[in-house]
C-alpha atoms as a PDB file:
ATOM      1  CA  UNK A   1       0.000   0.000   0.000  1.00  0.00           C
ATOM      2  CA  UNK A   2       1.566   3.287  -1.051  1.00  0.00           C
ATOM      3  CA  UNK A   3       2.290   6.261   1.161  1.00  0.00           C
ATOM      4  CA  UNK A   4      -0.434   8.846   1.084  1.00  0.00           C
ATOM      5  CA  UNK A   5      -3.109   6.488  -0.209  1.00  0.00           C
ATOM      6  CA  UNK A   6      -6.618   7.210   0.965  1.00  0.00           C
ATOM      7  CA  UNK A   7      -7.401   5.198   4.054  1.00  0.00           C
ATOM      8  CA  UNK A   8     -11.027   5.129   5.208  1.00  0.00           C
ATOM      9  CA  UNK A   9     -10.465   2.826   8.260  1.00  0.00           C
ATOM     10  CA  UNK A  10      -7.885   5.189   9.736  1.00  0.00           C
ATOM     11  CA  UNK A  11     -10.095   8.213   9.088  1.00  0.00           C
ATOM     12  CA  UNK A  12     -12.994   6.447  10.780  1.00  0.00           C
ATOM     13  CA  UNK A  13     -10.867   5.605  13.821  1.00  0.00           C
ATOM     14  CA  UNK A  14      -9.707   9.217  14.115  1.00  0.00           C
ATOM     15  CA  UNK A  15     -13.283  10.494  13.830  1.00  0.00           C
ATOM     16  CA  UNK A  16     -14.389   8.050  16.555  1.00  0.00           C
ATOM     17  CA  UNK A  17     -11.620   9.226  18.894  1.00  0.00           C
ATOM     18  CA  UNK A  18     -12.574  12.861  18.331  1.00  0.00           C
ATOM     19  CA  UNK A  19     -16.202  11.990  19.078  1.00  0.00           C
ATOM     20  CA  UNK A  20     -15.202  10.332  22.370  1.00  0.00           C
ATOM     21  CA  UNK A  21     -16.037   6.810  21.229  1.00  0.00           C
ATOM     22  CA  UNK A  22     -14.199   3.541  21.799  1.00  0.00           C
ATOM     23  CA  UNK A  23     -11.846   2.343  19.074  1.00  0.00           C
ATOM     24  CA  UNK A  24     -11.251  -1.432  18.866  1.00  0.00           C
ATOM     25  CA  UNK A  25      -7.668  -2.639  19.251  1.00  0.00           C
ATOM     26  CA  UNK A  26      -6.950  -4.787  16.196  1.00  0.00           C
ATOM     27  CA  UNK A  27      -3.427  -5.795  17.123  1.00  0.00           C
ATOM     28  CA  UNK A  28      -0.467  -4.573  19.159  1.00  0.00           C
ATOM     29  CA  UNK A  29       1.981  -3.164  16.639  1.00  0.00           C
ATOM     30  CA  UNK A  30       4.947  -2.560  18.939  1.00  0.00           C
ATOM     31  CA  UNK A  31       5.462  -4.672  22.030  1.00  0.00           C
ATOM     32  CA  UNK A  32       8.173  -5.973  24.334  1.00  0.00           C
ATOM     33  CA  UNK A  33       8.276  -9.255  26.198  1.00  0.00           C
ATOM     34  CA  UNK A  34       8.047  -7.815  29.736  1.00  0.00           C
ATOM     35  CA  UNK A  35       5.000  -5.776  28.684  1.00  0.00           C
ATOM     36  CA  UNK A  36       3.368  -8.801  27.057  1.00  0.00           C
ATOM     37  CA  UNK A  37       3.455 -10.834  30.269  1.00  0.00           C
ATOM     38  CA  UNK A  38       2.457  -7.940  32.578  1.00  0.00           C
ATOM     39  CA  UNK A  39      -1.084  -8.374  33.934  1.00  0.00           C
ATOM     40  CA  UNK A  40      -2.351  -5.139  35.499  1.00  0.00           C
ATOM     41  CA  UNK A  41      -4.271  -5.417  38.763  1.00  0.00           C
ATOM     42  CA  UNK A  42      -5.703  -2.357  40.496  1.00  0.00           C
ATOM     43  CA  UNK A  43      -4.196  -1.540  43.924  1.00  0.00           C
ATOM     44  CA  UNK A  44      -1.701  -4.371  43.409  1.00  0.00           C
ATOM     45  CA  UNK A  45       0.707  -3.610  40.562  1.00  0.00           C
ATOM     46  CA  UNK A  46      -1.060  -0.576  39.023  1.00  0.00           C
ATOM     47  CA  UNK A  47      -2.208   2.539  40.831  1.00  0.00           C
ATOM     48  CA  UNK A  48      -4.778   4.762  39.180  1.00  0.00           C
ATOM     49  CA  UNK A  49      -5.151   8.034  41.108  1.00  0.00           C
ATOM     50  CA  UNK A  50      -8.230  10.216  40.526  1.00  0.00           C
ATOM     51  CA  UNK A  51      -8.533  13.859  41.565  1.00  0.00           C
ATOM     52  CA  UNK A  52     -11.253  16.481  41.015  1.00  0.00           C
ATOM     53  CA  UNK A  53     -11.201  20.286  40.744  1.00  0.00           C
ATOM     54  CA  UNK A  54     -14.558  21.896  41.624  1.00  0.00           C
ATOM     55  CA  UNK A  55     -15.353  25.630  41.621  1.00  0.00           C
ATOM     56  CA  UNK A  56     -18.434  27.200  43.194  1.00  0.00           C
ATOM     57  CA  UNK A  57     -20.439  30.191  41.929  1.00  0.00           C
ATOM     58  CA  UNK A  58     -17.945  32.539  43.617  1.00  0.00           C
ATOM     59  CA  UNK A  59     -14.992  31.027  41.705  1.00  0.00           C
ATOM     60  CA  UNK A  60     -13.697  29.448  44.894  1.00  0.00           C
ATOM     61  CA  UNK A  61     -12.088  25.997  44.723  1.00  0.00           C
ATOM     62  CA  UNK A  62     -13.000  22.979  46.847  1.00  0.00           C
ATOM     63  CA  UNK A  63     -10.310  21.531  49.131  1.00  0.00           C
ATOM     64  CA  UNK A  64     -10.420  18.861  51.821  1.00  0.00           C
ATOM     65  CA  UNK A  65      -8.413  18.812  55.028  1.00  0.00           C
ATOM     66  CA  UNK A  66      -6.448  15.588  55.313  1.00  0.00           C
ATOM     67  CA  UNK A  67      -6.978  13.192  58.199  1.00  0.00           C
ATOM     68  CA  UNK A  68      -4.343  10.638  57.209  1.00  0.00           C
ATOM     69  CA  UNK A  69      -1.233  10.256  59.402  1.00  0.00           C
ATOM     70  CA  UNK A  70       1.697  12.129  57.955  1.00  0.00           C
ATOM     71  CA  UNK A  71      -0.434  14.763  56.246  1.00  0.00           C
ATOM     72  CA  UNK A  72      -3.101  15.409  58.880  1.00  0.00           C
ATOM     73  CA  UNK A  73      -4.323  18.978  58.950  1.00  0.00           C
ATOM     74  CA  UNK A  74      -3.025  19.907  55.500  1.00  0.00           C
ATOM     75  CA  UNK A  75      -5.304  20.754  52.559  1.00  0.00           C
ATOM     76  CA  UNK A  76      -5.538  19.162  49.142  1.00  0.00           C
ATOM     77  CA  UNK A  77      -7.894  18.556  46.250  1.00  0.00           C
ATOM     78  CA  UNK A  78     -10.345  15.670  46.805  1.00  0.00           C
ATOM     79  CA  UNK A  79      -8.879  12.495  45.362  1.00  0.00           C
ATOM     80  CA  UNK A  80      -7.196   9.187  45.975  1.00  0.00           C
ATOM     81  CA  UNK A  81      -6.554   5.719  44.618  1.00  0.00           C
ATOM     82  CA  UNK A  82      -9.098   4.022  42.405  1.00  0.00           C
ATOM     83  CA  UNK A  83     -10.552   0.965  44.132  1.00  0.00           C
ATOM     84  CA  UNK A  84     -11.107  -2.419  42.543  1.00  0.00           C
ATOM     85  CA  UNK A  85     -14.326  -2.867  40.538  1.00  0.00           C
ATOM     86  CA  UNK A  86     -14.540   0.855  39.715  1.00  0.00           C
ATOM     87  CA  UNK A  87     -14.444   3.040  36.636  1.00  0.00           C
ATOM     88  CA  UNK A  88     -12.384   6.233  36.714  1.00  0.00           C
ATOM     89  CA  UNK A  89     -15.520   8.367  36.916  1.00  0.00           C
ATOM     90  CA  UNK A  90     -17.002   6.276  39.717  1.00  0.00           C
ATOM     91  CA  UNK A  91     -13.776   6.550  41.697  1.00  0.00           C
ATOM     92  CA  UNK A  92     -13.530  10.308  41.215  1.00  0.00           C
ATOM     93  CA  UNK A  93     -17.130  10.876  42.347  1.00  0.00           C
ATOM     94  CA  UNK A  94     -16.625   8.576  45.343  1.00  0.00           C
ATOM     95  CA  UNK A  95     -13.552  10.518  46.462  1.00  0.00           C
ATOM     96  CA  UNK A  96     -15.453  13.819  46.343  1.00  0.00           C
ATOM     97  CA  UNK A  97     -18.355  12.357  48.317  1.00  0.00           C
ATOM     98  CA  UNK A  98     -16.144  10.719  50.950  1.00  0.00           C
ATOM     99  CA  UNK A  99     -13.776  13.642  51.327  1.00  0.00           C
ATOM    100  CA  UNK A 100     -16.082  16.635  50.900  1.00  0.00           C
ATOM    101  CA  UNK A 101     -19.609  15.303  51.453  1.00  0.00           C
ATOM    102  CA  UNK A 102     -20.713  16.504  48.009  1.00  0.00           C
ATOM    103  CA  UNK A 103     -22.144  14.775  44.969  1.00  0.00           C
ATOM    104  CA  UNK A 104     -20.673  15.886  41.650  1.00  0.00           C
ATOM    105  CA  UNK A 105     -20.721  15.529  37.899  1.00  0.00           C
ATOM    106  CA  UNK A 106     -17.504  15.392  35.882  1.00  0.00           C
ATOM    107  CA  UNK A 107     -17.094  17.762  32.940  1.00  0.00           C
ATOM    108  CA  UNK A 108     -13.799  16.704  31.403  1.00  0.00           C
ATOM    109  CA  UNK A 109     -10.381  15.199  32.031  1.00  0.00           C
ATOM    110  CA  UNK A 110      -8.083  18.140  32.746  1.00  0.00           C
ATOM    111  CA  UNK A 111      -4.677  16.501  33.014  1.00  0.00           C
ATOM    112  CA  UNK A 112      -2.927  13.178  33.068  1.00  0.00           C
ATOM    113  CA  UNK A 113       0.323  12.531  34.935  1.00  0.00           C
ATOM    114  CA  UNK A 114       2.326   9.395  34.232  1.00  0.00           C
ATOM    115  CA  UNK A 115       5.129   8.370  36.568  1.00  0.00           C
ATOM    116  CA  UNK A 116       4.982   4.628  35.898  1.00  0.00           C
ATOM    117  CA  UNK A 117       2.248   2.006  35.487  1.00  0.00           C
ATOM    118  CA  UNK A 118       2.184   1.954  39.280  1.00  0.00           C
ATOM    119  CA  UNK A 119       1.211   5.651  39.517  1.00  0.00           C
ATOM    120  CA  UNK A 120      -0.969   7.414  36.958  1.00  0.00           C
ATOM    121  CA  UNK A 121      -3.040  10.410  38.012  1.00  0.00           C
ATOM    122  CA  UNK A 122      -6.205  11.595  36.265  1.00  0.00           C
ATOM    123  CA  UNK A 123      -7.433  15.067  37.256  1.00  0.00           C
ATOM    124  CA  UNK A 124     -11.008  16.013  36.327  1.00  0.00           C
ATOM    125  CA  UNK A 125     -12.945  19.254  36.267  1.00  0.00           C
ATOM    126  CA  UNK A 126     -16.241  18.753  38.091  1.00  0.00           C
ATOM    127  CA  UNK A 127     -19.394  20.494  39.273  1.00  0.00           C
ATOM    128  CA  UNK A 128     -21.066  20.023  42.659  1.00  0.00           C
ATOM    129  CA  UNK A 129     -24.652  18.783  42.260  1.00  0.00           C
ATOM    130  CA  UNK A 130     -25.775  18.256  45.854  1.00  0.00           C
ATOM    131  CA  UNK A 131     -24.867  16.961  49.266  1.00  0.00           C
ATOM    132  CA  UNK A 132     -23.623  18.845  52.315  1.00  0.00           C
ATOM    133  CA  UNK A 133     -20.131  20.219  52.801  1.00  0.00           C
ATOM    134  CA  UNK A 134     -18.345  18.157  55.465  1.00  0.00           C
ATOM    135  CA  UNK A 135     -17.649  19.925  58.766  1.00  0.00           C
ATOM    136  CA  UNK A 136     -15.147  19.226  61.562  1.00  0.00           C
ATOM    137  CA  UNK A 137     -17.924  17.543  63.523  1.00  0.00           C
ATOM    138  CA  UNK A 138     -18.197  14.968  60.722  1.00  0.00           C
ATOM    139  CA  UNK A 139     -14.485  14.184  60.347  1.00  0.00           C
ATOM    140  CA  UNK A 140     -13.575  10.568  59.648  1.00  0.00           C
ATOM    141  CA  UNK A 141     -10.817   8.471  58.117  1.00  0.00           C
ATOM    142  CA  UNK A 142     -11.363  10.110  54.730  1.00  0.00           C
ATOM    143  CA  UNK A 143     -10.965  13.764  55.744  1.00  0.00           C
ATOM    144  CA  UNK A 144     -11.337  16.227  58.605  1.00  0.00           C
ATOM    145  CA  UNK A 145     -13.509  18.741  56.757  1.00  0.00           C
ATOM    146  CA  UNK A 146     -13.986  20.468  53.404  1.00  0.00           C
ATOM    147  CA  UNK A 147     -14.083  24.139  52.412  1.00  0.00           C
ATOM    148  CA  UNK A 148     -14.121  26.401  49.367  1.00  0.00           C
ATOM    149  CA  UNK A 149     -11.130  28.765  49.144  1.00  0.00           C
ATOM    150  CA  UNK A 150     -10.487  31.959  47.193  1.00  0.00           C
ATOM    151  CA  UNK A 151      -7.798  31.486  44.552  1.00  0.00           C
ATOM    152  CA  UNK A 152      -5.870  34.439  45.970  1.00  0.00           C
ATOM    153  CA  UNK A 153      -5.178  32.371  49.099  1.00  0.00           C
ATOM    154  CA  UNK A 154      -2.609  30.296  47.201  1.00  0.00           C
ATOM    155  CA  UNK A 155      -0.625  33.310  46.017  1.00  0.00           C
ATOM    156  CA  UNK A 156      -0.061  34.517  49.579  1.00  0.00           C
ATOM    157  CA  UNK A 157       0.209  30.967  50.917  1.00  0.00           C
ATOM    158  CA  UNK A 158      -2.615  31.307  53.414  1.00  0.00           C
ATOM    159  CA  UNK A 159      -3.442  27.605  53.013  1.00  0.00           C
ATOM    160  CA  UNK A 160      -1.208  24.861  54.392  1.00  0.00           C
ATOM    161  CA  UNK A 161      -1.172  22.540  51.387  1.00  0.00           C
ATOM    162  CA  UNK A 162      -0.132  18.906  51.477  1.00  0.00           C
ATOM    163  CA  UNK A 163       1.715  19.521  48.232  1.00  0.00           C
ATOM    164  CA  UNK A 164       1.871  22.659  46.102  1.00  0.00           C
ATOM    165  CA  UNK A 165       1.581  20.645  42.884  1.00  0.00           C
ATOM    166  CA  UNK A 166      -2.177  21.266  42.946  1.00  0.00           C
ATOM    167  CA  UNK A 167      -1.690  25.024  42.497  1.00  0.00           C
ATOM    168  CA  UNK A 168      -0.807  24.568  38.827  1.00  0.00           C
ATOM    169  CA  UNK A 169      -3.674  22.085  38.412  1.00  0.00           C
ATOM    170  CA  UNK A 170      -6.142  24.605  39.847  1.00  0.00           C
ATOM    171  CA  UNK A 171      -4.725  27.362  37.648  1.00  0.00           C
ATOM    172  CA  UNK A 172      -5.095  25.215  34.522  1.00  0.00           C
ATOM    173  CA  UNK A 173      -8.615  24.250  35.563  1.00  0.00           C
ATOM    174  CA  UNK A 174      -9.665  27.882  36.050  1.00  0.00           C
ATOM    175  CA  UNK A 175      -8.211  28.930  32.692  1.00  0.00           C
ATOM    176  CA  UNK A 176      -9.920  25.998  30.992  1.00  0.00           C
ATOM    177  CA  UNK A 177     -13.288  26.642  32.663  1.00  0.00           C
ATOM    178  CA  UNK A 178     -13.141  30.319  31.679  1.00  0.00           C
ATOM    179  CA  UNK A 179     -12.257  29.655  28.028  1.00  0.00           C
ATOM    180  CA  UNK A 180     -14.363  26.656  27.057  1.00  0.00           C
ATOM    181  CA  UNK A 181     -17.700  27.055  25.350  1.00  0.00           C
ATOM    182  CA  UNK A 182     -20.020  24.261  26.423  1.00  0.00           C
ATOM    183  CA  UNK A 183     -21.381  23.910  22.890  1.00  0.00           C
ATOM    184  CA  UNK A 184     -18.057  22.648  21.520  1.00  0.00           C
ATOM    185  CA  UNK A 185     -18.086  19.012  22.625  1.00  0.00           C
ATOM    186  CA  UNK A 186     -14.691  18.272  21.073  1.00  0.00           C
ATOM    187  CA  UNK A 187     -13.191  20.273  23.930  1.00  0.00           C
ATOM    188  CA  UNK A 188     -14.403  17.734  26.481  1.00  0.00           C
ATOM    189  CA  UNK A 189     -12.855  14.364  27.222  1.00  0.00           C
ATOM    190  CA  UNK A 190     -14.340  11.674  29.414  1.00  0.00           C
ATOM    191  CA  UNK A 191     -13.048   8.118  29.859  1.00  0.00           C
ATOM    192  CA  UNK A 192     -14.775   5.498  27.738  1.00  0.00           C
ATOM    193  CA  UNK A 193     -15.874   2.433  29.716  1.00  0.00           C
ATOM    194  CA  UNK A 194     -14.115  -0.331  27.793  1.00  0.00           C
ATOM    195  CA  UNK A 195     -12.192  -3.122  29.580  1.00  0.00           C
ATOM    196  CA  UNK A 196      -8.628  -4.004  28.590  1.00  0.00           C
ATOM    197  CA  UNK A 197      -6.457  -6.849  29.841  1.00  0.00           C
ATOM    198  CA  UNK A 198      -3.206  -4.927  29.245  1.00  0.00           C
ATOM    199  CA  UNK A 199      -1.779  -1.418  29.458  1.00  0.00           C
ATOM    200  CA  UNK A 200      -1.862   0.024  25.951  1.00  0.00           C
ATOM    201  CA  UNK A 201      -0.654   3.220  24.331  1.00  0.00           C
ATOM    202  CA  UNK A 202      -2.418   4.174  21.092  1.00  0.00           C
ATOM    203  CA  UNK A 203      -0.267   6.753  19.291  1.00  0.00           C
ATOM    204  CA  UNK A 204      -1.841   9.278  16.934  1.00  0.00           C
ATOM    205  CA  UNK A 205       1.521  10.140  15.402  1.00  0.00           C
ATOM    206  CA  UNK A 206       1.206  13.128  13.099  1.00  0.00           C
ATOM    207  CA  UNK A 207       3.585  14.667  10.586  1.00  0.00           C
ATOM    208  CA  UNK A 208       2.574  18.248   9.880  1.00  0.00           C
ATOM    209  CA  UNK A 209       4.399  20.287   7.252  1.00  0.00           C
ATOM    210  CA  UNK A 210       2.820  23.247   5.532  1.00  0.00           C
ATOM    211  CA  UNK A 211      -0.430  21.905   3.997  1.00  0.00           C
ATOM    212  CA  UNK A 212       0.531  18.245   4.531  1.00  0.00           C
ATOM    213  CA  UNK A 213      -1.049  16.494   7.525  1.00  0.00           C
ATOM    214  CA  UNK A 214      -0.439  12.739   7.765  1.00  0.00           C
ATOM    215  CA  UNK A 215      -0.980  10.039  10.406  1.00  0.00           C
ATOM    216  CA  UNK A 216       1.228   6.985  10.840  1.00  0.00           C
ATOM    217  CA  UNK A 217      -0.862   3.837  10.405  1.00  0.00           C
ATOM    218  CA  UNK A 218      -0.084   0.145  10.765  1.00  0.00           C
ATOM    219  CA  UNK A 219      -1.279  -2.159   8.018  1.00  0.00           C
ATOM    220  CA  UNK A 220      -0.130  -5.580   9.281  1.00  0.00           C
ATOM    221  CA  UNK A 221      -2.325  -8.007  11.184  1.00  0.00           C
ATOM    222  CA  UNK A 222      -5.606  -6.611   9.885  1.00  0.00           C
ATOM    223  CA  UNK A 223      -7.042  -3.483   8.271  1.00  0.00           C
ATOM    224  CA  UNK A 224      -5.008  -0.247   8.410  1.00  0.00           C
ATOM    225  CA  UNK A 225      -5.334   1.318  11.838  1.00  0.00           C
ATOM    226  CA  UNK A 226      -3.844   3.880  14.205  1.00  0.00           C
ATOM    227  CA  UNK A 227      -0.748   2.353  15.801  1.00  0.00           C
ATOM    228  CA  UNK A 228      -1.066   0.692  19.217  1.00  0.00           C
ATOM    229  CA  UNK A 229       1.831  -0.204  21.546  1.00  0.00           C
ATOM    230  CA  UNK A 230       1.906  -1.904  24.923  1.00  0.00           C
ATOM    231  CA  UNK A 231       3.317  -0.261  28.047  1.00  0.00           C
ATOM    232  CA  UNK A 232       6.045  -1.986  29.989  1.00  0.00           C
ATOM    233  CA  UNK A 233       5.996  -1.895  33.816  1.00  0.00           C
ATOM    234  CA  UNK A 234       9.531  -0.501  33.549  1.00  0.00           C
ATOM    235  CA  UNK A 235       8.586   2.495  31.357  1.00  0.00           C
ATOM    236  CA  UNK A 236       9.350   5.763  33.225  1.00  0.00           C
ATOM    237  CA  UNK A 237       7.602   7.795  30.502  1.00  0.00           C
ATOM    238  CA  UNK A 238       5.279   7.208  27.557  1.00  0.00           C
ATOM    239  CA  UNK A 239       8.036   8.520  25.304  1.00  0.00           C
ATOM    240  CA  UNK A 240       9.641   5.082  25.673  1.00  0.00           C
ATOM    241  CA  UNK A 241       6.894   3.532  23.552  1.00  0.00           C
ATOM    242  CA  UNK A 242       6.925   6.442  21.093  1.00  0.00           C
ATOM    243  CA  UNK A 243      10.684   6.159  20.550  1.00  0.00           C
ATOM    244  CA  UNK A 244      10.468   2.381  20.226  1.00  0.00           C
ATOM    245  CA  UNK A 245       7.703   2.751  17.660  1.00  0.00           C
ATOM    246  CA  UNK A 246       9.760   5.221  15.617  1.00  0.00           C
ATOM    247  CA  UNK A 247      12.771   2.897  15.605  1.00  0.00           C
ATOM    248  CA  UNK A 248      10.509   0.152  14.304  1.00  0.00           C
ATOM    249  CA  UNK A 249       8.722   2.267  11.690  1.00  0.00           C
ATOM    250  CA  UNK A 250      11.266   4.859  10.441  1.00  0.00           C
ATOM    251  CA  UNK A 251      14.660   4.575   8.794  1.00  0.00           C
ATOM    252  CA  UNK A 252      15.945   7.394  11.016  1.00  0.00           C
ATOM    253  CA  UNK A 253      14.922   8.949  14.327  1.00  0.00           C
ATOM    254  CA  UNK A 254      12.900  12.139  14.546  1.00  0.00           C
ATOM    255  CA  UNK A 255      12.073  14.426  17.448  1.00  0.00           C
ATOM    256  CA  UNK A 256       8.706  13.447  18.961  1.00  0.00           C
ATOM    257  CA  UNK A 257       6.500  15.686  21.056  1.00  0.00           C
ATOM    258  CA  UNK A 258       3.549  14.383  23.081  1.00  0.00           C
ATOM    259  CA  UNK A 259       0.872  17.089  23.028  1.00  0.00           C
ATOM    260  CA  UNK A 260      -1.624  15.428  25.333  1.00  0.00           C
ATOM    261  CA  UNK A 261      -4.233  12.756  25.885  1.00  0.00           C
ATOM    262  CA  UNK A 262      -7.110  12.477  23.406  1.00  0.00           C
ATOM    263  CA  UNK A 263      -8.658   9.250  24.670  1.00  0.00           C
ATOM    264  CA  UNK A 264      -8.839   6.990  27.739  1.00  0.00           C
ATOM    265  CA  UNK A 265     -10.467   3.547  27.717  1.00  0.00           C
ATOM    266  CA  UNK A 266     -10.893   1.691  31.022  1.00  0.00           C
ATOM    267  CA  UNK A 267     -13.446  -0.372  32.917  1.00  0.00           C
ATOM    268  CA  UNK A 268     -12.219  -1.905  36.153  1.00  0.00           C
ATOM    269  CA  UNK A 269     -15.552  -3.583  36.815  1.00  0.00           C
ATOM    270  CA  UNK A 270     -14.663  -6.550  34.595  1.00  0.00           C
ATOM    271  CA  UNK A 271     -12.826  -9.300  36.488  1.00  0.00           C
ATOM    272  CA  UNK A 272      -9.204  -9.697  35.409  1.00  0.00           C
ATOM    273  CA  UNK A 273      -9.275  -6.733  33.027  1.00  0.00           C
ATOM    274  CA  UNK A 274      -7.818  -3.837  34.993  1.00  0.00           C
ATOM    275  CA  UNK A 275      -5.821  -2.524  32.039  1.00  0.00           C
ATOM    276  CA  UNK A 276      -6.237   0.668  30.093  1.00  0.00           C
ATOM    277  CA  UNK A 277      -5.779   2.128  26.618  1.00  0.00           C
ATOM    278  CA  UNK A 278      -4.353   5.654  26.558  1.00  0.00           C
ATOM    279  CA  UNK A 279      -4.475   7.547  23.269  1.00  0.00           C
ATOM    280  CA  UNK A 280      -2.043  10.436  22.854  1.00  0.00           C
ATOM    281  CA  UNK A 281      -1.420  12.990  20.136  1.00  0.00           C
ATOM    282  CA  UNK A 282       2.235  13.000  19.063  1.00  0.00           C
ATOM    283  CA  UNK A 283       3.913  15.068  16.360  1.00  0.00           C
ATOM    284  CA  UNK A 284       7.306  14.457  14.772  1.00  0.00           C
ATOM    285  CA  UNK A 285       9.589  16.921  13.048  1.00  0.00           C
ATOM    286  CA  UNK A 286      13.103  17.016  11.676  1.00  0.00           C
ATOM    287  CA  UNK A 287      15.645  19.807  11.376  1.00  0.00           C
ATOM    288  CA  UNK A 288      17.662  17.823   8.829  1.00  0.00           C
ATOM    289  CA  UNK A 289      15.361  17.868   5.820  1.00  0.00           C
ATOM    290  CA  UNK A 290      11.816  18.331   4.674  1.00  0.00           C
ATOM    291  CA  UNK A 291       9.413  15.611   3.674  1.00  0.00           C
ATOM    292  CA  UNK A 292       7.746  12.626   5.290  1.00  0.00           C
ATOM    293  CA  UNK A 293       9.894  10.357   7.457  1.00  0.00           C
ATOM    294  CA  UNK A 294      10.845   7.352   5.341  1.00  0.00           C
ATOM    295  CA  UNK A 295       9.175   4.145   6.469  1.00  0.00           C
ATOM    296  CA  UNK A 296      11.306   1.105   7.180  1.00  0.00           C
ATOM    297  CA  UNK A 297       8.949  -1.575   5.845  1.00  0.00           C
ATOM    298  CA  UNK A 298       5.537  -2.324   4.366  1.00  0.00           C
ATOM    299  CA  UNK A 299       3.965  -2.894   7.793  1.00  0.00           C
ATOM    300  CA  UNK A 300       3.422   0.870   8.100  1.00  0.00           C
ATOM    301  CA  UNK A 301       1.962   3.581   5.899  1.00  0.00           C
ATOM    302  CA  UNK A 302       1.169   7.281   5.964  1.00  0.00           C
ATOM    303  CA  UNK A 303      -2.552   8.074   5.879  1.00  0.00           C
ATOM    304  CA  UNK A 304      -3.567  11.597   4.830  1.00  0.00           C
ATOM    305  CA  UNK A 305      -5.995  13.555   6.994  1.00  0.00           C
ATOM    306  CA  UNK A 306      -8.414  15.085   4.507  1.00  0.00           C
ATOM    307  CA  UNK A 307     -11.499  15.635   6.657  1.00  0.00           C
ATOM    308  CA  UNK A 308     -11.565  19.287   7.714  1.00  0.00           C
ATOM    309  CA  UNK A 309     -12.991  18.602  11.182  1.00  0.00           C
ATOM    310  CA  UNK A 310     -10.231  16.077  11.909  1.00  0.00           C
ATOM    311  CA  UNK A 311      -7.555  18.401  10.530  1.00  0.00           C
ATOM    312  CA  UNK A 312      -8.825  21.231  12.718  1.00  0.00           C
ATOM    313  CA  UNK A 313      -8.866  18.996  15.809  1.00  0.00           C
ATOM    314  CA  UNK A 314      -5.281  17.804  15.286  1.00  0.00           C
ATOM    315  CA  UNK A 315      -3.951  21.264  14.469  1.00  0.00           C
ATOM    316  CA  UNK A 316      -5.587  22.793  17.531  1.00  0.00           C
ATOM    317  CA  UNK A 317      -4.272  19.904  19.613  1.00  0.00           C
ATOM    318  CA  UNK A 318      -0.724  20.511  18.425  1.00  0.00           C
ATOM    319  CA  UNK A 319      -1.145  24.174  19.371  1.00  0.00           C
ATOM    320  CA  UNK A 320      -2.128  23.151  22.907  1.00  0.00           C
ATOM    321  CA  UNK A 321      -5.795  24.136  22.679  1.00  0.00           C
ATOM    322  CA  UNK A 322      -7.500  20.760  22.884  1.00  0.00           C
ATOM    323  CA  UNK A 323      -5.612  17.910  24.453  1.00  0.00           C
ATOM    324  CA  UNK A 324      -5.254  17.318  28.132  1.00  0.00           C
ATOM    325  CA  UNK A 325      -1.838  18.031  29.626  1.00  0.00           C
ATOM    326  CA  UNK A 326       0.451  15.053  30.028  1.00  0.00           C
ATOM    327  CA  UNK A 327       3.583  14.708  32.152  1.00  0.00           C
END
């Protein structure tokens, strides 16, 4: 199959991702032995952390006061480890209810932090829908109390935070909430409830040069599709899979940049399937020469992005306007 040939399956997969739908995994196109034998199990060898940012009508942010030994008395965003038999959304809502006494709805995934398969954090933007704010008289093992704080309190350090890493999360959340128009659904990202038995990294790898916008696709083991890799328990960053994929697909290395997360598939309610499929937007560029990276073999191809809605989504994502932050 020649480079640049029209590829309806790949276009359909991209459109499904943009629409927030599940995309079937046809085959794993780049994998390593240790990743193949790794069986993820929640609260055992994988740790999914969920956290929620909630603002009230006065633009104050919700914090809980910790009751755990070692951090007792400090303040933090409501959140914690996902339990077994939970989806990410269920876990996030549970943490808000247990820690703050409030029910909530989740608007979108704000950021994703990857430190290893044993610690991945998903931060959501949410809205309180009911309940009663927890007071000191109701303190328990989950928290001492909950309060809404003015954002100016962080600048003058009036709040004793458990960790100041949440200041940047709150800042990003406020900027996002102020800029997003609720009518543009492509700006929102919620996890799709699909079970996976492994940890997977689907890579929307884009080459963008002037008017040329192409996606790397795999065409071995089934119909052409967006490339999927597995994640090794030893991977300190998702760039490990991206670099391994490029070594497999290209005749020379290029500089990759992960712009953010565009899809999350997970459903921990299915016995023995505590895995996840993360889809990221990655662009490659080269300072050496112009033109598409040369492919190493016939197992890969370049698929052109001709649909204007898809082109707009990818271009805005590469400019930092769409995709959730990834670390």
